[in-house]
Amino acid sequence: MDLGLKDAKVFVAASRSGLGAAAARRFSLEGAHVAINGRNADMLHATAQAIQAESSNPVYAIPVDISERQGAFDAVQQAAERLGGLDILVTNAGGPPAGTFETLHLKDWDKAYELLLVSFVQMVKAALPYLEKSERAAILAITSLTVKQPADGLLLSNTIRAGIAGLVKTLANEYGPLGIRVNAILPGWTATERVEELLKHRAAMNDTTPELERAQRIRHIPLGRMGTPEEFANVAVFLCSPAAGYIHGAMIPVDGGEIRSTM
């Protein structure tokens, strides 16, 4: 199936590794020109080179810290300059620290707010002038299943990502008439470095092991396993493509069925 992404200009935030890198790779394999982003310049360039070697399509490294207020805006601006415009914006950010209401401090809330919500707002603001000129414009917010089903120990993510979901629906209403599609994707437990960190944190909190915590999580997933970054990327890239041209304002879970709600 041709997704209609050949020569599309795509920026994927927080894409040195994990879900972001998997999405960037899939975009590139579909023929898009991609800009990726991360704080570690050496590792980011290595990721860009690996993707480009596999796809033979241009991949640009934008080593900017999007957790800084101006950094998120600047990253998109730099990507658009390197790409010669922008058709697709994929927002993403590393997850905030795990914790409970008792253990987290106000400074943790401030950092999570800047990392997740402010970076999203800044990236969209920077991207809109370019997206308004595109005939295949799309914004995809990588959030979490916690938008629909809060997870124990992930208080910051549960709270702030829900705010992003509300903003996604609002942007869909405001910019749909301009032909800019806006959606969110809700990954569940996927085999990434971030998930390994969370499993270690849960093991320390519960005096168990990461292996036992992994088995406990899998028991809640109807498919009986964690997802792979590639499975996530396949859905993310489809949602951004012209092939999904009538999907708009949607919250799409990629979670093996873990979200149990009907809505």
Protein backbone atom coordinates (compact mmCIF):
# COMPACT_ATOMS: atom_id res chain seq x y z
CA MET A 1 0.00 0.00 0.00
CA ASP A 2 1.38 3.39 -1.01
CA LEU A 3 0.94 5.74 1.96
CA GLY A 4 1.64 8.83 -0.14
CA LEU A 5 4.69 9.90 1.86
CA LYS A 6 7.35 10.10 -0.84
CA ASP A 7 9.38 13.31 -0.37
CA ALA A 8 7.17 14.41 2.56
CA LYS A 9 8.97 16.70 4.99
CA VAL A 10 8.74 15.28 8.50
CA PHE A 11 10.01 16.32 11.92
CA VAL A 12 9.97 13.74 14.72
CA ALA A 13 10.80 15.08 18.19
CA ALA A 14 12.74 13.09 20.79
CA SER A 15 13.77 10.52 18.21
CA ARG A 16 17.30 9.47 19.09
CA SER A 17 15.96 6.11 20.25
CA GLY A 18 12.78 4.33 21.29
CA LEU A 19 9.40 5.11 19.78
CA GLY A 20 10.56 8.33 18.16
CA ALA A 21 13.46 6.65 16.37
CA ALA A 22 11.22 3.80 15.23
CA ALA A 23 8.72 6.28 13.76
CA ALA A 24 11.48 8.28 12.05
CA ARG A 25 12.89 5.09 10.50
CA ARG A 26 9.49 4.05 9.15
CA PHE A 27 8.85 7.52 7.67
CA SER A 28 12.23 7.35 5.96
CA LEU A 29 11.58 3.86 4.59
CA GLU A 30 8.31 5.20 3.14
CA GLY A 31 10.28 7.79 1.16
CA ALA A 32 9.96 10.83 3.44
CA HIS A 33 12.69 13.33 4.20
CA VAL A 34 13.06 13.31 7.98
CA ALA A 35 14.56 15.49 10.69
CA ILE A 36 15.17 13.83 14.03
CA ASN A 37 15.84 15.37 17.41
CA GLY A 38 17.61 14.67 20.69
CA ARG A 39 19.97 16.21 23.23
CA ASN A 40 23.01 13.97 22.69
CA ALA A 41 24.48 15.15 19.39
CA ASP A 42 26.82 12.21 18.83
CA MET A 43 24.14 9.58 19.46
CA LEU A 44 21.61 11.54 17.41
CA HIS A 45 23.92 11.74 14.40
CA ALA A 46 24.57 8.00 14.71
CA THR A 47 20.82 7.33 14.60
CA ALA A 48 20.42 9.63 11.58
CA GLN A 49 23.24 7.90 9.72
CA ALA A 50 21.85 4.44 10.46
CA ILE A 51 18.37 5.35 9.20
CA GLN A 52 19.72 7.08 6.10
CA ALA A 53 21.96 4.12 5.28
CA GLU A 54 18.94 1.82 5.39
CA SER A 55 16.51 4.00 3.45
CA SER A 56 18.78 6.07 1.18
CA ASN A 57 16.60 9.10 1.98
CA PRO A 58 17.81 12.30 3.70
CA VAL A 59 17.79 12.28 7.51
CA TYR A 60 18.82 15.43 9.37
CA ALA A 61 19.92 15.58 13.02
CA ILE A 62 18.63 18.51 15.12
CA PRO A 63 20.47 18.33 18.49
CA VAL A 64 18.27 20.65 20.56
CA ASP A 65 16.84 20.13 24.06
CA ILE A 66 13.06 20.40 23.65
CA SER A 67 12.52 20.34 27.42
CA GLU A 68 13.67 23.97 27.36
CA ARG A 69 10.88 26.39 26.45
CA GLN A 70 12.64 28.05 23.51
CA GLY A 71 14.35 24.80 22.55
CA ALA A 72 11.14 23.13 21.38
CA PHE A 73 10.31 26.08 19.12
CA ASP A 74 13.86 26.31 17.79
CA ALA A 75 14.03 22.58 17.02
CA VAL A 76 11.05 22.78 14.67
CA GLN A 77 12.35 25.96 13.05
CA GLN A 78 15.72 24.38 12.40
CA ALA A 79 14.09 21.22 11.04
CA ALA A 80 11.91 23.21 8.64
CA GLU A 81 14.94 25.14 7.42
CA ARG A 82 16.91 21.95 6.77
CA LEU A 83 13.95 20.22 5.13
CA GLY A 84 12.82 23.22 3.09
CA GLY A 85 9.40 23.27 4.75
CA LEU A 86 7.28 20.94 6.82
CA ASP A 87 4.38 18.60 6.07
CA ILE A 88 4.22 16.48 9.21
CA LEU A 89 4.98 17.23 12.86
CA VAL A 90 5.32 14.35 15.31
CA THR A 91 5.57 15.65 18.87
CA ASN A 92 7.21 13.51 21.50
CA ALA A 93 9.12 13.90 24.74
CA GLY A 94 10.79 11.69 27.27
CA GLY A 95 8.55 10.61 30.11
CA PRO A 96 8.60 12.44 33.44
CA PRO A 97 9.83 10.60 36.56
CA ALA A 98 7.63 8.03 38.22
CA GLY A 99 6.25 8.76 41.68
CA THR A 100 3.19 9.29 43.83
CA PHE A 101 1.41 12.41 45.06
CA GLU A 102 3.33 12.13 48.34
CA THR A 103 6.79 11.63 46.85
CA LEU A 104 6.67 14.19 44.04
CA HIS A 105 7.53 17.83 44.69
CA LEU A 106 6.33 21.04 43.04
CA LYS A 107 9.58 21.28 41.09
CA ASP A 108 8.79 17.85 39.60
CA TRP A 109 5.40 19.17 38.46
CA ASP A 110 7.03 22.25 36.93
CA LYS A 111 9.58 20.19 35.00
CA ALA A 112 6.96 17.75 33.74
CA TYR A 113 4.71 20.61 32.64
CA GLU A 114 7.58 22.16 30.66
CA LEU A 115 8.70 18.81 29.23
CA LEU A 116 5.32 17.54 28.09
CA LEU A 117 2.78 20.32 27.64
CA VAL A 118 4.85 23.45 26.98
CA SER A 119 7.08 21.63 24.48
CA PHE A 120 3.99 20.45 22.61
CA VAL A 121 2.56 23.96 22.45
CA GLN A 122 5.86 25.43 21.29
CA MET A 123 6.38 22.81 18.59
CA VAL A 124 2.88 23.33 17.20
CA LYS A 125 3.29 27.11 17.21
CA ALA A 126 6.56 26.81 15.29
CA ALA A 127 5.14 24.29 12.81
CA LEU A 128 1.82 25.94 11.91
CA PRO A 129 3.16 28.54 9.44
CA TYR A 130 4.70 25.71 7.44
CA LEU A 131 1.83 23.25 7.81
CA GLU A 132 -0.64 25.85 6.55
CA LYS A 133 1.22 25.78 3.22
CA SER A 134 1.22 21.98 2.93
CA GLU A 135 -1.31 19.88 1.04
CA ARG A 136 -0.70 16.87 3.32
CA ALA A 137 -0.34 18.58 6.68
CA ALA A 138 -0.61 16.49 9.84
CA ILE A 139 0.25 16.74 13.52
CA LEU A 140 0.61 13.60 15.62
CA ALA A 141 1.09 13.78 19.39
CA ILE A 142 2.79 10.75 20.91
CA THR A 143 1.19 10.51 24.35
CA SER A 144 0.35 7.40 26.39
CA LEU A 145 -2.42 4.98 27.32
CA THR A 146 -2.50 6.94 30.60
CA VAL A 147 -4.65 9.49 28.74
CA LYS A 148 -7.52 7.00 29.00
CA GLN A 149 -6.42 4.71 31.83
CA PRO A 150 -4.16 6.17 34.56
CA ALA A 151 -1.24 4.00 35.60
CA ASP A 152 -0.12 3.51 39.19
CA GLY A 153 3.06 5.41 39.99
CA LEU A 154 2.87 7.64 36.90
CA LEU A 155 1.05 10.59 38.44
CA LEU A 156 2.76 13.27 36.34
CA SER A 157 2.16 11.44 33.09
CA ASN A 158 -1.46 10.65 34.02
CA THR A 159 -2.20 14.31 34.68
CA ILE A 160 -0.30 16.28 32.07
CA ARG A 161 -0.78 13.93 29.13
CA ALA A 162 -4.53 14.22 29.68
CA GLY A 163 -4.12 17.96 29.14
CA ILE A 164 -2.34 17.26 25.85
CA ALA A 165 -5.28 15.11 24.77
CA GLY A 166 -7.65 18.00 25.44
CA LEU A 167 -5.45 20.31 23.41
CA VAL A 168 -5.27 17.82 20.52
CA LYS A 169 -9.08 17.74 20.29
CA THR A 170 -9.23 21.55 20.41
CA LEU A 171 -6.58 21.95 17.71
CA ALA A 172 -8.43 19.44 15.56
CA ASN A 173 -11.53 21.64 15.72
CA GLU A 174 -9.62 24.84 15.04
CA TYR A 175 -7.30 23.69 12.26
CA GLY A 176 -9.32 20.98 10.54
CA PRO A 177 -10.99 23.62 8.33
CA LEU A 178 -7.49 24.59 7.13
CA GLY A 179 -6.75 21.01 6.10
CA ILE A 180 -4.39 20.26 9.00
CA ARG A 181 -5.19 16.90 10.56
CA VAL A 182 -4.42 16.52 14.28
CA ASN A 183 -4.38 13.16 16.08
CA ALA A 184 -2.81 11.49 19.09
CA ILE A 185 -1.39 8.01 19.44
CA LEU A 186 -1.50 6.26 22.82
CA PRO A 187 1.26 3.67 23.16
CA GLY A 188 0.97 1.06 25.85
CA TRP A 189 3.77 -1.01 27.33
CA THR A 190 6.34 -1.29 24.55
CA ALA A 191 9.84 -2.76 24.66
CA THR A 192 11.90 0.46 24.92
CA GLU A 193 14.61 1.87 27.19
CA ARG A 194 11.98 3.99 28.95
CA VAL A 195 9.93 0.92 29.84
CA GLU A 196 13.01 -0.85 31.18
CA GLU A 197 13.61 2.15 33.47
CA LEU A 198 10.01 2.05 34.69
CA LEU A 199 10.23 -1.67 35.40
CA LYS A 200 13.39 -1.12 37.46
CA HIS A 201 11.65 1.69 39.37
CA ARG A 202 8.63 -0.52 40.11
CA ALA A 203 10.92 -3.34 41.22
CA ALA A 204 12.70 -1.04 43.65
CA MET A 205 9.39 0.29 45.00
CA ASN A 206 7.85 -3.17 45.39
CA ASP A 207 11.01 -5.03 46.46
CA THR A 208 10.74 -7.39 43.48
CA THR A 209 12.69 -7.74 40.22
CA PRO A 210 12.23 -6.15 36.78
CA GLU A 211 11.39 -9.60 35.42
CA LEU A 212 8.57 -10.07 37.89
CA GLU A 213 7.29 -6.57 37.21
CA ARG A 214 7.34 -7.27 33.47
CA ALA A 215 5.33 -10.45 33.96
CA GLN A 216 2.86 -8.53 36.12
CA ARG A 217 2.35 -5.91 33.40
CA ILE A 218 1.91 -8.52 30.68
CA ARG A 219 -0.88 -10.18 32.68
CA HIS A 220 -2.94 -7.02 32.08
CA ILE A 221 -2.40 -7.06 28.30
CA PRO A 222 -4.95 -9.23 26.44
CA LEU A 223 -2.44 -10.04 23.67
CA GLY A 224 -0.14 -11.46 26.33
CA ARG A 225 3.01 -9.52 25.43
CA MET A 226 4.50 -6.06 25.16
CA GLY A 227 4.51 -4.31 21.81
CA THR A 228 7.54 -3.58 19.67
CA PRO A 229 8.67 -0.11 18.55
CA GLU A 230 8.16 -1.24 14.95
CA GLU A 231 4.50 -2.07 15.61
CA PHE A 232 4.01 1.36 17.12
CA ALA A 233 5.79 3.06 14.21
CA ASN A 234 3.60 1.35 11.61
CA VAL A 235 0.48 2.90 13.16
CA ALA A 236 2.07 6.30 13.76
CA VAL A 237 3.24 6.68 10.18
CA PHE A 238 -0.10 5.53 8.77
CA LEU A 239 -1.97 8.10 10.89
CA CYS A 240 0.21 10.89 9.49
CA SER A 241 -0.08 9.76 5.89
CA PRO A 242 -2.59 10.82 3.23
CA ALA A 243 -3.81 7.21 3.34
CA ALA A 244 -5.42 8.13 6.69
CA GLY A 245 -6.83 11.35 5.30
CA TYR A 246 -10.20 11.13 7.08
CA ILE A 247 -8.85 10.27 10.54
CA HIS A 248 -8.90 13.50 12.53
CA GLY A 249 -9.14 14.40 16.21
CA ALA A 250 -8.65 10.74 17.17
CA MET A 251 -6.91 9.09 20.11
CA ILE A 252 -5.57 5.81 18.75
CA PRO A 253 -4.29 3.23 21.28
CA VAL A 254 -1.46 0.88 20.38
CA ASP A 255 -1.53 -1.12 23.56
CA GLY A 256 -2.39 -4.77 22.88
CA GLY A 257 -5.90 -4.16 24.24
CA GLU A 258 -4.84 -2.97 27.71
CA ILE A 259 -7.24 -0.02 27.71
CA ARG A 260 -10.54 -1.63 28.73
CA SER A 261 -12.92 1.30 28.21
CA THR A 262 -15.37 1.28 25.30
CA MET A 263 -14.77 4.97 24.43
